[in-house]
Amino acid sequence: MKPLIGLIDCGAGNIFSVENALRGIDCDVIVATNPEMLVGIDKLILPGVGAFPDGMEKLNSLGFSNYLGEYVNSGKHLLGICLGMQLLLSIGKEGQTTKGLDFISGSVEPLRPTNNYRVPHIGWNNIYSKEIKKLSLFDGIEQGSSFYFVHSYHVVPSEDVQVVYINYCDQNIVAAYQKDNLHGVQFHPEKSQKVGIRLLRNFVELEA
């Protein structure tokens, strides 16, 4: 039986690219516009692009915030992609301070441009981490692999989570994290060619 993956659609992301990538690795996918559509899923993905306040407003108004809290407490795996990764933290500092889902303590901060780096960060960048072998999503993915990024903000966890970094704006930026059944990636795996598909396959194949 194919795994059933839930994909939250809040109208804030290129949802169809993620859906197509998942179907390409032999999954059944439910694209959900309300929590009632997610009955019976094996795993859940929260994608997104755009502003943190808008993302939280949509999750709250559509009833996904409460659902996500119950889902995470059940022990099932959740993957946040781009804005979805950021929304799992305590607060976002985009235009105004906005309360996030608070599954991971920390904040979402603006990238600061330098003479050598522009914001937003758009393009390919290489990951690195001493902990990469501890993150389930990166099984079979080499240190230095390149993923595709589009973002102006980055997560700053304030608790002990396993992380993978990139270097940008002359600092270490969290490209991915893992805490128990919570997984987040700042990059877009659906746009990252073979290595991105491998990461999605790793998520699909995670044991409960």
Protein backbone atom coordinates (compact mmCIF):
# COMPACT_ATOMS: atom_id res chain seq x y z
CA MET A 1 0.00 0.00 0.00
CA LYS A 2 1.34 3.44 -0.91
CA PRO A 3 2.01 5.88 1.93
CA LEU A 4 -0.58 8.64 2.21
CA ILE A 5 0.99 12.09 2.55
CA GLY A 6 -1.02 15.13 3.60
CA LEU A 7 -0.08 18.45 2.03
CA ILE A 8 -1.49 21.58 3.65
CA ASP A 9 -2.68 24.17 1.13
CA CYS A 10 -3.11 27.62 2.64
CA GLY A 11 -2.73 29.38 -0.67
CA ALA A 12 0.82 30.39 0.24
CA GLY A 13 3.16 28.36 -1.88
CA ASN A 14 3.84 26.43 -5.05
CA ILE A 15 1.86 23.50 -3.72
CA PHE A 16 1.63 21.70 -7.05
CA SER A 17 5.39 21.37 -7.46
CA VAL A 18 5.60 19.61 -4.11
CA GLU A 19 2.59 17.44 -4.97
CA ASN A 20 4.11 16.41 -8.30
CA ALA A 21 7.44 15.59 -6.68
CA LEU A 22 5.72 13.37 -4.12
CA ARG A 23 3.63 11.57 -6.74
CA GLY A 24 6.87 10.94 -8.63
CA ILE A 25 8.16 8.87 -5.71
CA ASP A 26 5.04 6.72 -5.66
CA CYS A 27 2.97 8.34 -2.91
CA ASP A 28 -0.70 9.01 -2.56
CA VAL A 29 -1.20 12.69 -1.78
CA ILE A 30 -4.09 14.62 -0.26
CA VAL A 31 -3.92 18.38 -0.84
CA ALA A 32 -5.93 19.72 2.10
CA THR A 33 -7.63 23.08 2.41
CA ASN A 34 -9.11 22.13 5.79
CA PRO A 35 -8.10 19.71 8.57
CA GLU A 36 -11.04 17.37 7.97
CA MET A 37 -9.43 16.30 4.70
CA LEU A 38 -6.39 14.87 6.50
CA VAL A 39 -8.02 11.85 8.13
CA GLY A 40 -5.86 8.74 7.81
CA ILE A 41 -2.65 10.36 6.59
CA ASP A 42 0.70 8.76 7.36
CA LYS A 43 2.80 11.94 7.26
CA LEU A 44 2.23 15.66 6.83
CA ILE A 45 3.99 18.45 4.92
CA LEU A 46 3.53 22.17 5.52
CA PRO A 47 4.96 24.09 2.55
CA GLY A 48 4.77 27.82 1.98
CA VAL A 49 6.23 30.99 0.58
CA GLY A 50 5.47 34.58 1.50
CA ALA A 51 5.21 36.52 4.75
CA PHE A 52 5.17 35.00 8.25
CA PRO A 53 2.13 37.04 9.49
CA ASP A 54 0.08 36.04 6.45
CA GLY A 55 1.05 32.38 6.86
CA MET A 56 -0.03 32.29 10.50
CA GLU A 57 -3.27 34.13 9.75
CA LYS A 58 -4.17 31.51 7.17
CA LEU A 59 -3.30 28.59 9.45
CA ASN A 60 -5.39 30.08 12.24
CA SER A 61 -8.38 31.03 10.12
CA LEU A 62 -8.55 27.65 8.38
CA GLY A 63 -8.28 25.68 11.63
CA PHE A 64 -4.88 24.17 10.90
CA SER A 65 -3.07 25.60 13.94
CA ASN A 66 -5.01 23.51 16.47
CA TYR A 67 -4.89 20.49 14.18
CA LEU A 68 -1.11 20.74 13.84
CA GLY A 69 -0.69 20.81 17.62
CA GLU A 70 -2.68 17.59 17.97
CA TYR A 71 -0.88 16.01 15.02
CA VAL A 72 2.59 16.76 16.40
CA ASN A 73 1.62 15.43 19.83
CA SER A 74 0.56 12.17 18.18
CA GLY A 75 4.19 11.50 17.27
CA LYS A 76 3.67 11.44 13.50
CA HIS A 77 6.25 13.12 11.29
CA LEU A 78 5.80 16.71 10.10
CA LEU A 79 7.97 18.45 7.48
CA GLY A 80 7.97 22.23 7.09
CA ILE A 81 9.31 23.64 3.82
CA CYS A 82 10.54 27.25 3.46
CA LEU A 83 7.91 29.43 5.20
CA GLY A 84 6.42 26.22 6.60
CA MET A 85 9.72 25.56 8.38
CA GLN A 86 9.67 29.06 9.87
CA LEU A 87 6.09 28.86 11.13
CA LEU A 88 7.02 25.99 13.45
CA LEU A 89 9.05 28.41 15.62
CA SER A 90 7.85 30.64 18.48
CA ILE A 91 7.82 34.03 16.79
CA GLY A 92 8.47 35.69 13.45
CA LYS A 93 9.94 39.17 13.08
CA GLU A 94 8.71 40.06 9.61
CA GLY A 95 7.29 43.57 9.60
CA GLN A 96 5.82 42.92 13.05
CA THR A 97 6.37 40.36 15.78
CA THR A 98 3.95 37.50 15.16
CA LYS A 99 3.35 34.43 17.30
CA GLY A 100 4.19 31.21 15.49
CA LEU A 101 3.14 27.64 16.19
CA ASP A 102 5.82 27.41 18.92
CA PHE A 103 6.70 23.76 18.36
CA ILE A 104 10.35 24.78 18.43
CA SER A 105 11.60 27.59 20.67
CA GLY A 106 13.22 30.38 18.70
CA SER A 107 12.63 33.22 16.29
CA VAL A 108 12.60 33.97 12.59
CA GLU A 109 14.99 36.83 11.83
CA PRO A 110 15.71 38.92 8.71
CA LEU A 111 18.77 38.19 6.63
CA ARG A 112 21.07 41.24 6.66
CA PRO A 113 22.68 42.07 3.31
CA THR A 114 26.43 42.66 3.14
CA ASN A 115 28.77 43.90 0.45
CA ASN A 116 29.12 40.35 -0.87
CA TYR A 117 25.59 39.02 -0.33
CA ARG A 118 22.19 40.20 -1.51
CA VAL A 119 18.80 39.68 0.08
CA PRO A 120 16.67 37.81 -0.77
CA HIS A 121 18.91 34.79 -1.01
CA ILE A 122 17.97 33.18 -4.32
CA GLY A 123 19.86 30.26 -5.80
CA TRP A 124 21.90 27.20 -4.97
CA ASN A 125 23.95 26.81 -1.81
CA ASN A 126 25.95 23.99 -0.23
CA ILE A 127 24.96 22.45 3.09
CA TYR A 128 27.34 21.42 5.88
CA SER A 129 27.01 20.05 9.39
CA LYS A 130 28.88 17.84 11.83
CA GLU A 131 25.43 16.42 12.68
CA ILE A 132 24.28 15.62 9.16
CA LYS A 133 24.35 11.87 9.76
CA LYS A 134 22.00 12.34 12.73
CA LEU A 135 19.26 13.92 10.62
CA SER A 136 16.99 11.30 9.11
CA LEU A 137 16.13 13.44 6.09
CA PHE A 138 19.76 13.47 4.96
CA ASP A 139 20.33 9.73 4.78
CA GLY A 140 22.46 9.13 1.68
CA ILE A 141 22.98 12.87 1.11
CA GLU A 142 26.58 14.01 1.14
CA GLN A 143 28.12 16.91 3.02
CA GLY A 144 28.40 19.80 0.57
CA SER A 145 25.32 18.85 -1.45
CA SER A 146 23.62 21.81 -3.09
CA PHE A 147 19.97 22.81 -2.61
CA TYR A 148 17.85 25.63 -4.06
CA PHE A 149 16.89 28.53 -1.77
CA VAL A 150 14.50 31.52 -2.01
CA HIS A 151 14.20 33.44 1.26
CA SER A 152 14.75 36.74 3.07
CA TYR A 153 14.37 35.42 6.64
CA HIS A 154 16.00 32.58 8.56
CA VAL A 155 15.30 30.56 11.69
CA VAL A 156 17.27 31.00 14.91
CA PRO A 157 16.38 28.13 17.28
CA SER A 158 16.90 28.84 20.98
CA GLU A 159 16.72 25.20 22.05
CA ASP A 160 18.89 22.21 21.29
CA VAL A 161 17.89 20.87 17.88
CA GLN A 162 19.95 19.07 15.26
CA VAL A 163 20.81 21.43 12.43
CA VAL A 164 22.35 21.65 8.98
CA TYR A 165 23.83 24.96 7.84
CA ILE A 166 24.68 27.02 4.81
CA ASN A 167 26.92 30.07 4.80
CA TYR A 168 25.28 33.29 3.62
CA CYS A 169 25.53 36.97 4.56
CA ASP A 170 28.84 36.12 6.26
CA GLN A 171 27.16 33.89 8.84
CA ASN A 172 25.98 30.36 9.46
CA ILE A 173 22.32 30.09 8.45
CA VAL A 174 20.13 27.14 9.46
CA ALA A 175 19.18 25.29 6.28
CA ALA A 176 17.45 22.38 8.03
CA TYR A 177 16.60 21.16 11.51
CA GLN A 178 15.21 18.12 13.26
CA LYS A 179 13.62 17.72 16.67
CA ASP A 180 12.06 14.33 17.30
CA ASN A 181 9.21 14.06 14.74
CA LEU A 182 9.60 17.67 13.56
CA HIS A 183 11.63 18.37 10.43
CA GLY A 184 12.21 21.66 8.64
CA VAL A 185 14.08 22.73 5.51
CA GLN A 186 14.62 26.31 4.38
CA PHE A 187 15.37 25.24 0.82
CA HIS A 188 12.92 23.88 -1.75
CA PRO A 189 13.51 20.12 -2.16
CA GLU A 190 11.00 19.98 -5.03
CA LYS A 191 13.27 22.39 -6.96
CA SER A 192 16.57 20.80 -5.91
CA GLN A 193 16.74 18.05 -8.52
CA LYS A 194 17.91 14.56 -7.55
CA VAL A 195 19.18 15.45 -4.09
CA GLY A 196 15.86 17.14 -3.24
CA ILE A 197 13.88 14.12 -4.39
CA ARG A 198 16.12 11.91 -2.26
CA LEU A 199 15.32 14.07 0.77
CA LEU A 200 11.56 13.84 0.11
CA ARG A 201 11.85 10.09 -0.31
CA ASN A 202 13.69 9.88 3.01
CA PHE A 203 10.83 11.74 4.68
CA VAL A 204 8.19 9.50 3.12
CA GLU A 205 10.07 6.40 4.27
CA LEU A 206 10.54 7.50 7.90
CA GLU A 207 9.18 5.01 10.38
CA ALA A 208 6.46 6.22 12.73
